[in-house]
Amino acid sequence: MRIEIRHLKYFIAVAEECHFGRAAERLNISQPPLSQQIQALEAEVGARLLERNNRNVSLTQAGELFLKECYEIVDHLSQAAENAARAHRGELGNLKIGFTSSAPFISLVASSLFIFRQRYPLVHMQMREVNTKQQIEPLLEGKLDIGVMRNTRLPDTLTHQLLLREPLVAVLHQNHPLAASGREKLKFSDLANQPFVFFSREVGTALHDEILTLLKNAGITPYITQEVGEAMTIVGLVSAGLGVSILPASFTRIQVDGVCYRYLDEETAFTEVWLAYSKTRPLSAQATALINLMIAQP
């Protein structure tokens, strides 16, 4: 005989009821098979677990020790089953997310992460701030489950869902003539001859290529005087009066002294935010839950 979980449950019932008849009724089986299973269990264990007489049943010393172990085994198995079910529903496990520096400032992204955290508090979220192009290799290698990124060219083994289209804004010093003009929106051409503060090409942000391409299509080659690695540094240099720039509208939530923002009155003045993930590697339940939550947000 091989000891199975049902044998442990049979033994627990008899030990708790101290009576074969009541234990059989509780287990919804007849008494003779229950007695036979307990006898077989004792033979397999190699110890007498129960003392029996005509009126009641009691545990032997070996039975008391065995009962304690049975409780632990059954509880552990129940917990393991519950954990597996919760992991299948996306309520447990790990979720590795890559995100660009602007992602936390996007209301839809921030609110989705907040809701996910409330619904699935036991999921360990590993957040990794990397620009769009730097997310691609970790996504291919499985080091990231999801990437929140800007639109870019992806390898064939990655795919994406559009999360939102975000307007682009001009970033100006508050004393700049374009800011003081009272105009609520500007054109690309308004920035044509302005000293430009922008991302360095070496940093490899998708915004570098995207915004320069938009300006080129409008017939503009910006006069770039300052090249930096981070959007926050761009905003800081604009506040110091070193030039103007263009950034996604999510950065308007960053209020820095001396800086103001103006929307661009151009049909192409937007950037896409994507949720990217592997085509070849199945999405975890946790990743699927977050993606569905983000896509469903108004």
C-alpha atoms as a PDB file:
ATOM      1  CA  MET A   1       0.000   0.000   0.000  1.00  0.00           C
ATOM      2  CA  ARG A   2       1.175   3.507  -0.741  1.00  0.00           C
ATOM      3  CA  ILE A   3       0.119   6.199   1.736  1.00  0.00           C
ATOM      4  CA  GLU A   4      -2.146   8.728   0.046  1.00  0.00           C
ATOM      5  CA  ILE A   5      -3.642  11.965   1.287  1.00  0.00           C
ATOM      6  CA  ARG A   6      -7.027  10.270   1.684  1.00  0.00           C
ATOM      7  CA  HIS A   7      -5.511   7.836   4.193  1.00  0.00           C
ATOM      8  CA  LEU A   8      -4.301  10.767   6.274  1.00  0.00           C
ATOM      9  CA  LYS A   9      -7.745  12.340   6.172  1.00  0.00           C
ATOM     10  CA  TYR A  10      -9.330   9.041   7.218  1.00  0.00           C
ATOM     11  CA  PHE A  11      -6.954   8.812  10.160  1.00  0.00           C
ATOM     12  CA  ILE A  12      -7.578  12.431  11.185  1.00  0.00           C
ATOM     13  CA  ALA A  13     -11.347  11.845  11.167  1.00  0.00           C
ATOM     14  CA  VAL A  14     -11.111   8.750  13.357  1.00  0.00           C
ATOM     15  CA  ALA A  15      -8.650  10.451  15.718  1.00  0.00           C
ATOM     16  CA  GLU A  16     -10.891  13.487  16.115  1.00  0.00           C
ATOM     17  CA  GLU A  17     -14.140  11.555  16.466  1.00  0.00           C
ATOM     18  CA  CYS A  18     -12.648   8.773  18.622  1.00  0.00           C
ATOM     19  CA  HIS A  19     -15.234   6.547  16.997  1.00  0.00           C
ATOM     20  CA  PHE A  20     -15.204   4.634  13.701  1.00  0.00           C
ATOM     21  CA  GLY A  21     -18.925   4.963  13.129  1.00  0.00           C
ATOM     22  CA  ARG A  22     -19.011   8.739  13.527  1.00  0.00           C
ATOM     23  CA  ALA A  23     -15.846   9.094  11.465  1.00  0.00           C
ATOM     24  CA  ALA A  24     -17.343   6.997   8.657  1.00  0.00           C
ATOM     25  CA  GLU A  25     -20.488   9.116   8.687  1.00  0.00           C
ATOM     26  CA  ARG A  26     -18.400  12.293   8.562  1.00  0.00           C
ATOM     27  CA  LEU A  27     -16.402  10.949   5.623  1.00  0.00           C
ATOM     28  CA  ASN A  28     -19.540   9.701   3.900  1.00  0.00           C
ATOM     29  CA  ILE A  29     -18.240   6.131   3.619  1.00  0.00           C
ATOM     30  CA  SER A  30     -19.254   2.893   5.341  1.00  0.00           C
ATOM     31  CA  GLN A  31     -17.498   1.757   8.492  1.00  0.00           C
ATOM     32  CA  PRO A  32     -15.929  -1.591   7.367  1.00  0.00           C
ATOM     33  CA  PRO A  33     -13.846  -0.066   4.521  1.00  0.00           C
ATOM     34  CA  LEU A  34     -12.735   2.704   6.880  1.00  0.00           C
ATOM     35  CA  SER A  35     -11.524   0.160   9.458  1.00  0.00           C
ATOM     36  CA  GLN A  36      -9.703  -1.742   6.713  1.00  0.00           C
ATOM     37  CA  GLN A  37      -7.990   1.439   5.453  1.00  0.00           C
ATOM     38  CA  ILE A  38      -6.823   2.368   8.965  1.00  0.00           C
ATOM     39  CA  GLN A  39      -5.444  -1.143   9.509  1.00  0.00           C
ATOM     40  CA  ALA A  40      -3.616  -0.961   6.193  1.00  0.00           C
ATOM     41  CA  LEU A  41      -2.244   2.462   7.138  1.00  0.00           C
ATOM     42  CA  GLU A  42      -0.908   1.096  10.430  1.00  0.00           C
ATOM     43  CA  ALA A  43       0.723  -1.758   8.571  1.00  0.00           C
ATOM     44  CA  GLU A  44       2.356   0.652   6.126  1.00  0.00           C
ATOM     45  CA  VAL A  45       3.557   2.944   8.920  1.00  0.00           C
ATOM     46  CA  GLY A  46       4.756  -0.006  10.973  1.00  0.00           C
ATOM     47  CA  ALA A  47       3.162   1.170  14.208  1.00  0.00           C
ATOM     48  CA  ARG A  48      -0.137   0.813  16.039  1.00  0.00           C
ATOM     49  CA  LEU A  49      -1.754   4.247  15.854  1.00  0.00           C
ATOM     50  CA  LEU A  50      -5.084   3.586  17.588  1.00  0.00           C
ATOM     51  CA  GLU A  51      -6.221   1.682  20.648  1.00  0.00           C
ATOM     52  CA  ARG A  52      -9.642   0.127  20.026  1.00  0.00           C
ATOM     53  CA  ASN A  53     -12.291  -1.365  22.303  1.00  0.00           C
ATOM     54  CA  ASN A  54     -16.014  -1.926  21.990  1.00  0.00           C
ATOM     55  CA  ARG A  55     -16.930   1.565  23.149  1.00  0.00           C
ATOM     56  CA  ASN A  56     -14.296   4.035  21.917  1.00  0.00           C
ATOM     57  CA  VAL A  57     -11.026   4.660  20.119  1.00  0.00           C
ATOM     58  CA  SER A  58      -7.963   6.456  21.479  1.00  0.00           C
ATOM     59  CA  LEU A  59      -4.574   7.433  20.125  1.00  0.00           C
ATOM     60  CA  THR A  60      -1.418   5.605  21.008  1.00  0.00           C
ATOM     61  CA  GLN A  61       1.759   7.605  21.606  1.00  0.00           C
ATOM     62  CA  ALA A  62       2.781   6.854  18.029  1.00  0.00           C
ATOM     63  CA  GLY A  63      -0.700   7.915  16.895  1.00  0.00           C
ATOM     64  CA  GLU A  64      -0.400  11.287  18.637  1.00  0.00           C
ATOM     65  CA  LEU A  65       2.891  12.001  16.883  1.00  0.00           C
ATOM     66  CA  PHE A  66       1.514  10.804  13.555  1.00  0.00           C
ATOM     67  CA  LEU A  67      -1.622  12.963  13.934  1.00  0.00           C
ATOM     68  CA  LYS A  68       0.484  16.098  14.384  1.00  0.00           C
ATOM     69  CA  GLU A  69       2.397  15.314  11.192  1.00  0.00           C
ATOM     70  CA  CYS A  70      -0.840  14.557   9.344  1.00  0.00           C
ATOM     71  CA  TYR A  71      -2.243  17.983  10.224  1.00  0.00           C
ATOM     72  CA  GLU A  72       0.899  19.676   8.916  1.00  0.00           C
ATOM     73  CA  ILE A  73       0.909  17.645   5.695  1.00  0.00           C
ATOM     74  CA  VAL A  74      -2.784  18.248   4.957  1.00  0.00           C
ATOM     75  CA  ASP A  75      -2.511  21.962   5.797  1.00  0.00           C
ATOM     76  CA  HIS A  76       0.582  22.321   3.631  1.00  0.00           C
ATOM     77  CA  LEU A  77      -1.112  20.564   0.724  1.00  0.00           C
ATOM     78  CA  SER A  78      -4.208  22.743   1.054  1.00  0.00           C
ATOM     79  CA  GLN A  79      -2.055  25.870   1.108  1.00  0.00           C
ATOM     80  CA  ALA A  80      -0.082  24.661  -1.905  1.00  0.00           C
ATOM     81  CA  ALA A  81      -3.312  24.061  -3.832  1.00  0.00           C
ATOM     82  CA  GLU A  82      -4.645  27.483  -2.848  1.00  0.00           C
ATOM     83  CA  ASN A  83      -1.394  29.169  -3.866  1.00  0.00           C
ATOM     84  CA  ALA A  84      -1.431  27.396  -7.233  1.00  0.00           C
ATOM     85  CA  ALA A  85      -5.030  28.492  -7.835  1.00  0.00           C
ATOM     86  CA  ARG A  86      -4.221  32.072  -6.840  1.00  0.00           C
ATOM     87  CA  ALA A  87      -1.143  32.131  -9.067  1.00  0.00           C
ATOM     88  CA  HIS A  88      -3.309  30.857 -11.942  1.00  0.00           C
ATOM     89  CA  ARG A  89      -5.678  33.770 -11.302  1.00  0.00           C
ATOM     90  CA  GLY A  90      -2.744  36.188 -11.234  1.00  0.00           C
ATOM     91  CA  GLU A  91      -3.017  36.875  -7.504  1.00  0.00           C
ATOM     92  CA  LEU A  92       0.462  35.587  -6.599  1.00  0.00           C
ATOM     93  CA  GLY A  93       3.864  35.533  -8.225  1.00  0.00           C
ATOM     94  CA  ASN A  94       6.293  38.012  -9.747  1.00  0.00           C
ATOM     95  CA  LEU A  95       5.748  40.625 -12.426  1.00  0.00           C
ATOM     96  CA  LYS A  96       8.729  42.321 -14.076  1.00  0.00           C
ATOM     97  CA  ILE A  97       7.867  45.614 -15.744  1.00  0.00           C
ATOM     98  CA  GLY A  98      10.078  47.925 -17.761  1.00  0.00           C
ATOM     99  CA  PHE A  99       9.025  51.540 -18.084  1.00  0.00           C
ATOM    100  CA  THR A 100      10.292  54.783 -19.551  1.00  0.00           C
ATOM    101  CA  SER A 101      10.971  57.744 -17.293  1.00  0.00           C
ATOM    102  CA  SER A 102       7.739  59.423 -18.371  1.00  0.00           C
ATOM    103  CA  ALA A 103       5.490  56.411 -17.689  1.00  0.00           C
ATOM    104  CA  PRO A 104       4.795  57.194 -14.000  1.00  0.00           C
ATOM    105  CA  PHE A 105       3.596  60.659 -15.044  1.00  0.00           C
ATOM    106  CA  ILE A 106       1.001  59.220 -17.436  1.00  0.00           C
ATOM    107  CA  SER A 107      -2.283  59.149 -15.524  1.00  0.00           C
ATOM    108  CA  LEU A 108      -3.522  55.958 -17.170  1.00  0.00           C
ATOM    109  CA  VAL A 109      -0.316  54.081 -16.307  1.00  0.00           C
ATOM    110  CA  ALA A 110      -0.146  55.373 -12.739  1.00  0.00           C
ATOM    111  CA  SER A 111      -3.825  54.664 -12.011  1.00  0.00           C
ATOM    112  CA  SER A 112      -3.598  51.170 -13.553  1.00  0.00           C
ATOM    113  CA  LEU A 113      -0.603  50.262 -11.411  1.00  0.00           C
ATOM    114  CA  PHE A 114      -2.391  51.598  -8.338  1.00  0.00           C
ATOM    115  CA  ILE A 115      -5.524  49.533  -9.040  1.00  0.00           C
ATOM    116  CA  PHE A 116      -3.429  46.429  -9.776  1.00  0.00           C
ATOM    117  CA  ARG A 117      -1.566  46.874  -6.479  1.00  0.00           C
ATOM    118  CA  GLN A 118      -4.890  47.066  -4.608  1.00  0.00           C
ATOM    119  CA  ARG A 119      -6.360  43.999  -6.331  1.00  0.00           C
ATOM    120  CA  TYR A 120      -3.248  41.844  -6.203  1.00  0.00           C
ATOM    121  CA  PRO A 121      -1.276  42.876  -3.108  1.00  0.00           C
ATOM    122  CA  LEU A 122       0.664  39.587  -3.010  1.00  0.00           C
ATOM    123  CA  VAL A 123       2.124  39.954  -6.506  1.00  0.00           C
ATOM    124  CA  HIS A 124       5.719  41.140  -6.278  1.00  0.00           C
ATOM    125  CA  MET A 125       6.133  43.921  -8.849  1.00  0.00           C
ATOM    126  CA  GLN A 126       9.693  44.521 -10.012  1.00  0.00           C
ATOM    127  CA  MET A 127       9.799  47.923 -11.726  1.00  0.00           C
ATOM    128  CA  ARG A 128      12.808  48.743 -13.913  1.00  0.00           C
ATOM    129  CA  GLU A 129      13.258  52.222 -15.406  1.00  0.00           C
ATOM    130  CA  VAL A 130      14.858  51.942 -18.843  1.00  0.00           C
ATOM    131  CA  ASN A 131      14.253  53.809 -22.066  1.00  0.00           C
ATOM    132  CA  THR A 132      12.334  52.239 -24.933  1.00  0.00           C
ATOM    133  CA  LYS A 133      15.253  50.786 -26.860  1.00  0.00           C
ATOM    134  CA  GLN A 134      16.874  49.446 -23.696  1.00  0.00           C
ATOM    135  CA  GLN A 135      13.739  47.435 -22.932  1.00  0.00           C
ATOM    136  CA  ILE A 136      13.933  45.333 -26.085  1.00  0.00           C
ATOM    137  CA  GLU A 137      16.762  42.979 -25.090  1.00  0.00           C
ATOM    138  CA  PRO A 138      15.354  42.224 -21.588  1.00  0.00           C
ATOM    139  CA  LEU A 139      11.957  41.504 -23.164  1.00  0.00           C
ATOM    140  CA  LEU A 140      13.575  39.084 -25.616  1.00  0.00           C
ATOM    141  CA  GLU A 141      15.513  37.370 -22.816  1.00  0.00           C
ATOM    142  CA  GLY A 142      12.538  37.085 -20.467  1.00  0.00           C
ATOM    143  CA  LYS A 143      14.086  39.472 -17.934  1.00  0.00           C
ATOM    144  CA  LEU A 144      11.017  41.682 -18.402  1.00  0.00           C
ATOM    145  CA  ASP A 145       7.422  40.467 -18.751  1.00  0.00           C
ATOM    146  CA  ILE A 146       5.991  43.742 -20.043  1.00  0.00           C
ATOM    147  CA  GLY A 147       7.518  46.939 -21.371  1.00  0.00           C
ATOM    148  CA  VAL A 148       5.750  50.297 -21.153  1.00  0.00           C
ATOM    149  CA  MET A 149       7.490  52.090 -23.998  1.00  0.00           C
ATOM    150  CA  ARG A 150       7.244  54.609 -26.805  1.00  0.00           C
ATOM    151  CA  ASN A 151       6.589  53.511 -30.364  1.00  0.00           C
ATOM    152  CA  THR A 152       9.669  52.093 -32.024  1.00  0.00           C
ATOM    153  CA  ARG A 153      10.697  49.308 -34.371  1.00  0.00           C
ATOM    154  CA  LEU A 154      10.377  45.943 -32.611  1.00  0.00           C
ATOM    155  CA  PRO A 155      11.957  42.577 -33.471  1.00  0.00           C
ATOM    156  CA  ASP A 156       9.638  40.004 -35.018  1.00  0.00           C
ATOM    157  CA  THR A 157       9.475  38.041 -31.757  1.00  0.00           C
ATOM    158  CA  LEU A 158       7.994  40.988 -29.828  1.00  0.00           C
ATOM    159  CA  THR A 159       4.524  42.442 -30.201  1.00  0.00           C
ATOM    160  CA  HIS A 160       2.665  45.367 -28.673  1.00  0.00           C
ATOM    161  CA  GLN A 161      -0.706  46.838 -27.855  1.00  0.00           C
ATOM    162  CA  LEU A 162      -1.394  50.546 -28.194  1.00  0.00           C
ATOM    163  CA  LEU A 163      -2.041  52.034 -24.777  1.00  0.00           C
ATOM    164  CA  LEU A 164      -2.593  55.666 -25.748  1.00  0.00           C
ATOM    165  CA  ARG A 165      -1.590  58.479 -28.067  1.00  0.00           C
ATOM    166  CA  GLU A 166      -0.022  61.269 -26.080  1.00  0.00           C
ATOM    167  CA  PRO A 167       0.276  64.851 -27.359  1.00  0.00           C
ATOM    168  CA  LEU A 168       3.659  66.524 -27.618  1.00  0.00           C
ATOM    169  CA  VAL A 169       4.269  69.922 -26.025  1.00  0.00           C
ATOM    170  CA  ALA A 170       6.808  72.688 -26.436  1.00  0.00           C
ATOM    171  CA  VAL A 171       8.866  73.288 -23.290  1.00  0.00           C
ATOM    172  CA  LEU A 172       9.717  76.960 -22.815  1.00  0.00           C
ATOM    173  CA  HIS A 173      11.132  79.343 -20.260  1.00  0.00           C
ATOM    174  CA  GLN A 174       8.297  81.440 -18.890  1.00  0.00           C
ATOM    175  CA  ASN A 175      10.026  84.628 -20.099  1.00  0.00           C
ATOM    176  CA  HIS A 176      10.534  83.325 -23.624  1.00  0.00           C
ATOM    177  CA  PRO A 177       8.730  85.464 -26.242  1.00  0.00           C
ATOM    178  CA  LEU A 178       6.739  82.421 -27.399  1.00  0.00           C
ATOM    179  CA  ALA A 179       5.502  81.898 -23.835  1.00  0.00           C
ATOM    180  CA  ALA A 180       4.739  85.561 -23.331  1.00  0.00           C
ATOM    181  CA  SER A 181       2.841  85.845 -26.637  1.00  0.00           C
ATOM    182  CA  GLY A 182      -0.353  84.557 -25.067  1.00  0.00           C
ATOM    183  CA  ARG A 183      -0.761  81.846 -27.701  1.00  0.00           C
ATOM    184  CA  GLU A 184      -2.131  78.597 -26.235  1.00  0.00           C
ATOM    185  CA  LYS A 185      -0.707  76.455 -29.054  1.00  0.00           C
ATOM    186  CA  LEU A 186       2.417  76.684 -31.172  1.00  0.00           C
ATOM    187  CA  LYS A 187       3.557  75.290 -34.511  1.00  0.00           C
ATOM    188  CA  PHE A 188       6.694  73.319 -35.205  1.00  0.00           C
ATOM    189  CA  SER A 189       7.862  76.276 -37.289  1.00  0.00           C
ATOM    190  CA  ASP A 190       7.807  78.517 -34.209  1.00  0.00           C
ATOM    191  CA  LEU A 191      10.707  76.489 -32.816  1.00  0.00           C
ATOM    192  CA  ALA A 192      12.713  76.380 -36.049  1.00  0.00           C
ATOM    193  CA  ASN A 193      15.401  78.905 -35.150  1.00  0.00           C
ATOM    194  CA  GLN A 194      15.410  78.427 -31.391  1.00  0.00           C
ATOM    195  CA  PRO A 195      18.346  76.919 -29.462  1.00  0.00           C
ATOM    196  CA  PHE A 196      17.158  73.400 -28.755  1.00  0.00           C
ATOM    197  CA  VAL A 197      17.782  71.279 -25.658  1.00  0.00           C
ATOM    198  CA  PHE A 198      17.338  67.622 -26.512  1.00  0.00           C
ATOM    199  CA  PHE A 199      18.217  63.990 -25.886  1.00  0.00           C
ATOM    200  CA  SER A 200      21.651  62.805 -26.910  1.00  0.00           C
ATOM    201  CA  ARG A 201      21.584  60.256 -29.726  1.00  0.00           C
ATOM    202  CA  GLU A 202      23.914  58.020 -27.710  1.00  0.00           C
ATOM    203  CA  VAL A 203      21.286  57.623 -24.992  1.00  0.00           C
ATOM    204  CA  GLY A 204      19.143  55.689 -27.475  1.00  0.00           C
ATOM    205  CA  THR A 205      15.699  56.976 -26.564  1.00  0.00           C
ATOM    206  CA  ALA A 206      12.897  56.381 -29.044  1.00  0.00           C
ATOM    207  CA  LEU A 207      11.792  59.996 -28.534  1.00  0.00           C
ATOM    208  CA  HIS A 208      15.080  61.239 -29.994  1.00  0.00           C
ATOM    209  CA  ASP A 209      14.425  59.646 -33.370  1.00  0.00           C
ATOM    210  CA  GLU A 210      10.670  60.198 -33.300  1.00  0.00           C
ATOM    211  CA  ILE A 211      10.673  63.937 -32.586  1.00  0.00           C
ATOM    212  CA  LEU A 212      13.553  64.683 -34.943  1.00  0.00           C
ATOM    213  CA  THR A 213      11.688  62.779 -37.680  1.00  0.00           C
ATOM    214  CA  LEU A 214       8.525  64.832 -37.055  1.00  0.00           C
ATOM    215  CA  LEU A 215      10.529  68.054 -37.298  1.00  0.00           C
ATOM    216  CA  LYS A 216      12.303  66.848 -40.429  1.00  0.00           C
ATOM    217  CA  ASN A 217       8.958  66.027 -42.060  1.00  0.00           C
ATOM    218  CA  ALA A 218       7.891  69.590 -41.257  1.00  0.00           C
ATOM    219  CA  GLY A 219      11.007  70.867 -43.016  1.00  0.00           C
ATOM    220  CA  ILE A 220      12.832  71.773 -39.800  1.00  0.00           C
ATOM    221  CA  THR A 221      16.331  70.870 -38.659  1.00  0.00           C
ATOM    222  CA  PRO A 222      16.505  71.997 -35.030  1.00  0.00           C
ATOM    223  CA  TYR A 223      19.478  73.958 -33.795  1.00  0.00           C
ATOM    224  CA  ILE A 224      20.509  71.621 -30.962  1.00  0.00           C
ATOM    225  CA  THR A 225      22.805  73.385 -28.493  1.00  0.00           C
ATOM    226  CA  GLN A 226      22.511  71.055 -25.493  1.00  0.00           C
ATOM    227  CA  GLU A 227      22.351  67.242 -25.532  1.00  0.00           C
ATOM    228  CA  VAL A 228      21.473  65.369 -22.341  1.00  0.00           C
ATOM    229  CA  GLY A 229      20.360  61.928 -21.231  1.00  0.00           C
ATOM    230  CA  GLU A 230      17.194  62.521 -19.217  1.00  0.00           C
ATOM    231  CA  ALA A 231      13.938  64.390 -19.775  1.00  0.00           C
ATOM    232  CA  MET A 232      14.175  65.868 -16.284  1.00  0.00           C
ATOM    233  CA  THR A 233      17.547  67.386 -17.235  1.00  0.00           C
ATOM    234  CA  ILE A 234      15.966  68.857 -20.357  1.00  0.00           C
ATOM    235  CA  VAL A 235      13.312  70.562 -18.242  1.00  0.00           C
ATOM    236  CA  GLY A 236      15.986  71.799 -15.852  1.00  0.00           C
ATOM    237  CA  LEU A 237      18.087  73.319 -18.642  1.00  0.00           C
ATOM    238  CA  VAL A 238      15.024  75.006 -20.127  1.00  0.00           C
ATOM    239  CA  SER A 239      14.373  76.526 -16.699  1.00  0.00           C
ATOM    240  CA  ALA A 240      17.925  77.862 -16.807  1.00  0.00           C
ATOM    241  CA  GLY A 241      17.152  79.601 -20.098  1.00  0.00           C
ATOM    242  CA  LEU A 242      19.451  77.447 -22.237  1.00  0.00           C
ATOM    243  CA  GLY A 243      16.882  76.703 -24.917  1.00  0.00           C
ATOM    244  CA  VAL A 244      13.522  75.194 -25.776  1.00  0.00           C
ATOM    245  CA  SER A 245      12.468  71.596 -26.265  1.00  0.00           C
ATOM    246  CA  ILE A 246       9.647  69.188 -27.147  1.00  0.00           C
ATOM    247  CA  LEU A 247       8.463  66.472 -24.793  1.00  0.00           C
ATOM    248  CA  PRO A 248       5.377  64.275 -24.247  1.00  0.00           C
ATOM    249  CA  ALA A 249       2.523  66.021 -22.445  1.00  0.00           C
ATOM    250  CA  SER A 250       2.897  63.755 -19.392  1.00  0.00           C
ATOM    251  CA  PHE A 251       5.894  65.877 -18.407  1.00  0.00           C
ATOM    252  CA  THR A 252       3.617  68.861 -17.858  1.00  0.00           C
ATOM    253  CA  ARG A 253       2.956  67.301 -14.458  1.00  0.00           C
ATOM    254  CA  ILE A 254       6.514  68.272 -13.571  1.00  0.00           C
ATOM    255  CA  GLN A 255       6.250  71.835 -12.336  1.00  0.00           C
ATOM    256  CA  VAL A 256       9.652  73.536 -12.318  1.00  0.00           C
ATOM    257  CA  ASP A 257      10.149  77.216 -11.587  1.00  0.00           C
ATOM    258  CA  GLY A 258      10.562  79.200 -14.761  1.00  0.00           C
ATOM    259  CA  VAL A 259       9.175  76.521 -17.113  1.00  0.00           C
ATOM    260  CA  CYS A 260       5.892  76.574 -19.018  1.00  0.00           C
ATOM    261  CA  TYR A 261       4.405  74.247 -21.610  1.00  0.00           C
ATOM    262  CA  ARG A 262       2.495  74.910 -24.818  1.00  0.00           C
ATOM    263  CA  TYR A 263       0.621  72.301 -26.851  1.00  0.00           C
ATOM    264  CA  LEU A 264       1.520  71.976 -30.509  1.00  0.00           C
ATOM    265  CA  ASP A 265      -1.094  72.682 -33.155  1.00  0.00           C
ATOM    266  CA  GLU A 266       0.113  69.926 -35.494  1.00  0.00           C
ATOM    267  CA  GLU A 267      -1.727  66.781 -36.602  1.00  0.00           C
ATOM    268  CA  THR A 268       1.404  64.684 -36.166  1.00  0.00           C
ATOM    269  CA  ALA A 269       2.392  66.131 -32.770  1.00  0.00           C
ATOM    270  CA  PHE A 270       1.798  63.023 -30.700  1.00  0.00           C
ATOM    271  CA  THR A 271       3.680  59.964 -29.555  1.00  0.00           C
ATOM    272  CA  GLU A 272       2.299  56.486 -28.902  1.00  0.00           C
ATOM    273  CA  VAL A 273       2.691  54.600 -25.654  1.00  0.00           C
ATOM    274  CA  TRP A 274       2.832  50.828 -26.063  1.00  0.00           C
ATOM    275  CA  LEU A 275       2.611  47.735 -23.923  1.00  0.00           C
ATOM    276  CA  ALA A 276       5.217  45.404 -25.432  1.00  0.00           C
ATOM    277  CA  TYR A 277       5.802  41.717 -24.676  1.00  0.00           C
ATOM    278  CA  SER A 278       7.081  38.506 -26.226  1.00  0.00           C
ATOM    279  CA  LYS A 279       5.235  36.663 -28.986  1.00  0.00           C
ATOM    280  CA  THR A 280       7.023  33.397 -28.289  1.00  0.00           C
ATOM    281  CA  ARG A 281       6.898  33.280 -24.485  1.00  0.00           C
ATOM    282  CA  PRO A 282       3.435  32.794 -22.914  1.00  0.00           C
ATOM    283  CA  LEU A 283       2.275  35.704 -20.805  1.00  0.00           C
ATOM    284  CA  SER A 284       1.948  34.984 -17.111  1.00  0.00           C
ATOM    285  CA  ALA A 285      -1.450  35.385 -15.468  1.00  0.00           C
ATOM    286  CA  GLN A 286      -0.067  38.415 -13.636  1.00  0.00           C
ATOM    287  CA  ALA A 287       1.077  40.090 -16.860  1.00  0.00           C
ATOM    288  CA  THR A 288      -2.227  39.317 -18.568  1.00  0.00           C
ATOM    289  CA  ALA A 289      -4.162  40.805 -15.656  1.00  0.00           C
ATOM    290  CA  LEU A 290      -2.164  44.035 -15.778  1.00  0.00           C
ATOM    291  CA  ILE A 291      -2.414  44.359 -19.554  1.00  0.00           C
ATOM    292  CA  ASN A 292      -6.187  43.816 -19.454  1.00  0.00           C
ATOM    293  CA  LEU A 293      -6.490  46.363 -16.674  1.00  0.00           C
ATOM    294  CA  MET A 294      -4.492  48.993 -18.559  1.00  0.00           C
ATOM    295  CA  ILE A 295      -6.345  48.440 -21.829  1.00  0.00           C
ATOM    296  CA  ALA A 296      -9.709  48.684 -20.068  1.00  0.00           C
ATOM    297  CA  GLN A 297      -8.945  52.050 -18.440  1.00  0.00           C
ATOM    298  CA  PRO A 298     -10.920  54.957 -19.984  1.00  0.00           C
END
